[in-house]
Amino acid sequence: MMSKKFYFDTYALVEISKGNPQFDKYKSNYMILSDLNLLEFYYYLIRVNKEDKIPEIFNELKKFLVIYDNDDLIKSAKMKFKHKQEKISFVDCIGYQLAKKHKARFLTGDEQFKNKENVEFVK
């Protein structure tokens, strides 16, 4: 089976770190994410008293980082405005935009994305 490319939303990173077996099959796929997902994930690690894991996690994940540009930010702002009733975060809008840009599926369990196109929704 050919592996697919997935944009790992912070939700996915947190669930993998918790050992959620629903995400096991995604670990062997090609992963991309942005530094903003790392920011949110670091906050989670600090909150659960695992701050000491941050350097190790950064070294592991830095090779999967993709960069966003001004065009991505504009498209993300438009998405946030279009879906303002859903209260989607800026980080999620940027991640969703980057997934599309890099031809990857957006891997998340965030309810706001449950019925959106190009989403791999996992709980």
C-alpha atoms as a PDB file:
ATOM      1  CA  MET A   1       0.000   0.000   0.000  1.00  0.00           C
ATOM      2  CA  MET A   2       1.339   3.402  -0.970  1.00  0.00           C
ATOM      3  CA  SER A   3       1.656   5.804   1.935  1.00  0.00           C
ATOM      4  CA  LYS A   4      -0.253   9.056   1.854  1.00  0.00           C
ATOM      5  CA  LYS A   5       0.738  12.533   2.921  1.00  0.00           C
ATOM      6  CA  PHE A   6      -1.048  13.994   5.927  1.00  0.00           C
ATOM      7  CA  TYR A   7      -0.913  17.397   7.564  1.00  0.00           C
ATOM      8  CA  PHE A   8      -0.855  16.596  11.288  1.00  0.00           C
ATOM      9  CA  ASP A   9      -3.056  19.071  13.137  1.00  0.00           C
ATOM     10  CA  THR A  10      -2.187  19.710  16.784  1.00  0.00           C
ATOM     11  CA  TYR A  11      -5.141  17.503  17.703  1.00  0.00           C
ATOM     12  CA  ALA A  12      -3.400  14.567  15.991  1.00  0.00           C
ATOM     13  CA  LEU A  13      -0.082  15.299  17.732  1.00  0.00           C
ATOM     14  CA  VAL A  14      -1.766  15.391  21.149  1.00  0.00           C
ATOM     15  CA  GLU A  15      -3.707  12.173  20.536  1.00  0.00           C
ATOM     16  CA  ILE A  16      -0.579  10.355  19.343  1.00  0.00           C
ATOM     17  CA  SER A  17       1.274  11.533  22.454  1.00  0.00           C
ATOM     18  CA  LYS A  18      -1.600  10.169  24.585  1.00  0.00           C
ATOM     19  CA  GLY A  19      -1.300   6.802  22.841  1.00  0.00           C
ATOM     20  CA  ASN A  20      -4.685   6.925  21.076  1.00  0.00           C
ATOM     21  CA  PRO A  21      -4.679   3.709  18.963  1.00  0.00           C
ATOM     22  CA  GLN A  22      -6.939   5.339  16.336  1.00  0.00           C
ATOM     23  CA  PHE A  23      -3.904   7.322  15.164  1.00  0.00           C
ATOM     24  CA  ASP A  24      -1.428   4.406  15.013  1.00  0.00           C
ATOM     25  CA  LYS A  25      -1.947   3.771  11.313  1.00  0.00           C
ATOM     26  CA  TYR A  26      -0.998   7.388  10.466  1.00  0.00           C
ATOM     27  CA  LYS A  27       2.442   7.265  12.098  1.00  0.00           C
ATOM     28  CA  SER A  28       3.976   5.491   9.089  1.00  0.00           C
ATOM     29  CA  ASN A  29       2.600   8.004   6.583  1.00  0.00           C
ATOM     30  CA  TYR A  30       4.369  11.095   5.360  1.00  0.00           C
ATOM     31  CA  MET A  31       3.776  13.896   7.871  1.00  0.00           C
ATOM     32  CA  ILE A  32       3.832  17.657   7.441  1.00  0.00           C
ATOM     33  CA  LEU A  33       2.981  20.393   9.941  1.00  0.00           C
ATOM     34  CA  SER A  34       3.819  24.021  10.673  1.00  0.00           C
ATOM     35  CA  ASP A  35       5.714  25.706  13.473  1.00  0.00           C
ATOM     36  CA  LEU A  36       2.345  26.947  14.751  1.00  0.00           C
ATOM     37  CA  ASN A  37       1.284  23.359  15.444  1.00  0.00           C
ATOM     38  CA  LEU A  38       4.509  22.907  17.375  1.00  0.00           C
ATOM     39  CA  LEU A  39       3.678  26.044  19.353  1.00  0.00           C
ATOM     40  CA  GLU A  40       0.285  24.610  20.344  1.00  0.00           C
ATOM     41  CA  PHE A  41       1.782  21.176  21.040  1.00  0.00           C
ATOM     42  CA  TYR A  42       4.491  22.709  23.240  1.00  0.00           C
ATOM     43  CA  TYR A  43       1.785  24.506  25.219  1.00  0.00           C
ATOM     44  CA  TYR A  44       0.003  21.176  25.697  1.00  0.00           C
ATOM     45  CA  LEU A  45       3.242  19.529  26.883  1.00  0.00           C
ATOM     46  CA  ILE A  46       3.883  22.339  29.367  1.00  0.00           C
ATOM     47  CA  ARG A  47       0.282  22.056  30.599  1.00  0.00           C
ATOM     48  CA  VAL A  48       0.643  18.302  31.236  1.00  0.00           C
ATOM     49  CA  ASN A  49       4.024  18.723  32.929  1.00  0.00           C
ATOM     50  CA  LYS A  50       6.112  17.231  30.094  1.00  0.00           C
ATOM     51  CA  GLU A  51       8.105  20.356  29.250  1.00  0.00           C
ATOM     52  CA  ASP A  52      11.326  18.335  29.416  1.00  0.00           C
ATOM     53  CA  LYS A  53      10.216  16.447  26.256  1.00  0.00           C
ATOM     54  CA  ILE A  54      10.145  19.603  24.082  1.00  0.00           C
ATOM     55  CA  PRO A  55      13.783  19.494  22.787  1.00  0.00           C
ATOM     56  CA  GLU A  56      13.476  15.806  21.884  1.00  0.00           C
ATOM     57  CA  ILE A  57      10.131  16.359  20.139  1.00  0.00           C
ATOM     58  CA  PHE A  58      11.461  19.355  18.229  1.00  0.00           C
ATOM     59  CA  ASN A  59      14.412  17.318  16.935  1.00  0.00           C
ATOM     60  CA  GLU A  60      12.019  14.580  15.869  1.00  0.00           C
ATOM     61  CA  LEU A  61       9.455  16.837  14.158  1.00  0.00           C
ATOM     62  CA  LYS A  62      11.539  19.668  12.661  1.00  0.00           C
ATOM     63  CA  LYS A  63      12.152  17.729   9.438  1.00  0.00           C
ATOM     64  CA  PHE A  64       8.387  17.704   8.770  1.00  0.00           C
ATOM     65  CA  LEU A  65       7.882  21.477   9.037  1.00  0.00           C
ATOM     66  CA  VAL A  66       6.499  23.343   6.041  1.00  0.00           C
ATOM     67  CA  ILE A  67       6.671  27.111   5.673  1.00  0.00           C
ATOM     68  CA  TYR A  68       3.700  29.376   5.072  1.00  0.00           C
ATOM     69  CA  ASP A  69       3.821  32.583   3.070  1.00  0.00           C
ATOM     70  CA  ASN A  70       1.697  35.703   2.851  1.00  0.00           C
ATOM     71  CA  ASP A  71      -0.650  34.118   0.305  1.00  0.00           C
ATOM     72  CA  ASP A  72      -1.303  31.263   2.752  1.00  0.00           C
ATOM     73  CA  LEU A  73      -2.041  33.790   5.510  1.00  0.00           C
ATOM     74  CA  ILE A  74      -4.520  35.670   3.317  1.00  0.00           C
ATOM     75  CA  LYS A  75      -6.326  32.454   2.321  1.00  0.00           C
ATOM     76  CA  SER A  76      -6.405  31.420   5.989  1.00  0.00           C
ATOM     77  CA  ALA A  77      -7.894  34.758   7.062  1.00  0.00           C
ATOM     78  CA  LYS A  78     -10.569  34.414   4.363  1.00  0.00           C
ATOM     79  CA  MET A  79     -11.357  30.891   5.565  1.00  0.00           C
ATOM     80  CA  LYS A  80     -11.659  32.074   9.174  1.00  0.00           C
ATOM     81  CA  PHE A  81     -14.009  34.859   8.071  1.00  0.00           C
ATOM     82  CA  LYS A  82     -16.085  32.549   5.847  1.00  0.00           C
ATOM     83  CA  HIS A  83     -16.530  30.053   8.707  1.00  0.00           C
ATOM     84  CA  LYS A  84     -16.656  32.578  11.565  1.00  0.00           C
ATOM     85  CA  GLN A  85     -19.703  30.911  13.129  1.00  0.00           C
ATOM     86  CA  GLU A  86     -17.628  27.736  13.608  1.00  0.00           C
ATOM     87  CA  LYS A  87     -14.933  29.584  15.584  1.00  0.00           C
ATOM     88  CA  ILE A  88     -12.036  27.842  13.795  1.00  0.00           C
ATOM     89  CA  SER A  89      -8.665  28.965  15.122  1.00  0.00           C
ATOM     90  CA  PHE A  90      -6.147  30.787  12.950  1.00  0.00           C
ATOM     91  CA  VAL A  91      -3.690  27.905  13.474  1.00  0.00           C
ATOM     92  CA  ASP A  92      -6.267  25.426  12.153  1.00  0.00           C
ATOM     93  CA  CYS A  93      -7.078  27.649   9.171  1.00  0.00           C
ATOM     94  CA  ILE A  94      -3.392  27.886   8.287  1.00  0.00           C
ATOM     95  CA  GLY A  95      -2.955  24.142   8.726  1.00  0.00           C
ATOM     96  CA  TYR A  96      -5.942  23.382   6.523  1.00  0.00           C
ATOM     97  CA  GLN A  97      -4.607  25.762   3.860  1.00  0.00           C
ATOM     98  CA  LEU A  98      -1.135  24.207   4.015  1.00  0.00           C
ATOM     99  CA  ALA A  99      -2.602  20.713   3.693  1.00  0.00           C
ATOM    100  CA  LYS A 100      -4.313  21.752   0.464  1.00  0.00           C
ATOM    101  CA  LYS A 101      -1.218  23.552  -0.812  1.00  0.00           C
ATOM    102  CA  HIS A 102       0.979  20.488  -0.231  1.00  0.00           C
ATOM    103  CA  LYS A 103      -1.608  17.990  -1.518  1.00  0.00           C
ATOM    104  CA  ALA A 104      -1.975  16.361   1.871  1.00  0.00           C
ATOM    105  CA  ARG A 105      -5.053  15.362   3.828  1.00  0.00           C
ATOM    106  CA  PHE A 106      -5.741  17.381   6.997  1.00  0.00           C
ATOM    107  CA  LEU A 107      -5.548  14.875   9.883  1.00  0.00           C
ATOM    108  CA  THR A 108      -7.622  16.023  12.859  1.00  0.00           C
ATOM    109  CA  GLY A 109     -10.385  15.150  15.283  1.00  0.00           C
ATOM    110  CA  ASP A 110     -11.590  18.748  15.635  1.00  0.00           C
ATOM    111  CA  GLU A 111     -15.367  18.734  15.179  1.00  0.00           C
ATOM    112  CA  GLN A 112     -15.315  21.879  12.987  1.00  0.00           C
ATOM    113  CA  PHE A 113     -13.614  19.812  10.279  1.00  0.00           C
ATOM    114  CA  LYS A 114     -15.788  16.704  10.464  1.00  0.00           C
ATOM    115  CA  ASN A 115     -17.589  17.337   7.168  1.00  0.00           C
ATOM    116  CA  LYS A 116     -15.023  19.438   5.333  1.00  0.00           C
ATOM    117  CA  GLU A 117     -13.366  18.359   2.118  1.00  0.00           C
ATOM    118  CA  ASN A 118      -9.808  16.948   2.223  1.00  0.00           C
ATOM    119  CA  VAL A 119     -10.053  16.001   5.898  1.00  0.00           C
ATOM    120  CA  GLU A 120      -9.116  12.713   7.551  1.00  0.00           C
ATOM    121  CA  PHE A 121     -11.350  12.915  10.629  1.00  0.00           C
ATOM    122  CA  VAL A 122     -10.286  10.616  13.467  1.00  0.00           C
ATOM    123  CA  LYS A 123     -11.406  10.522  17.090  1.00  0.00           C
END
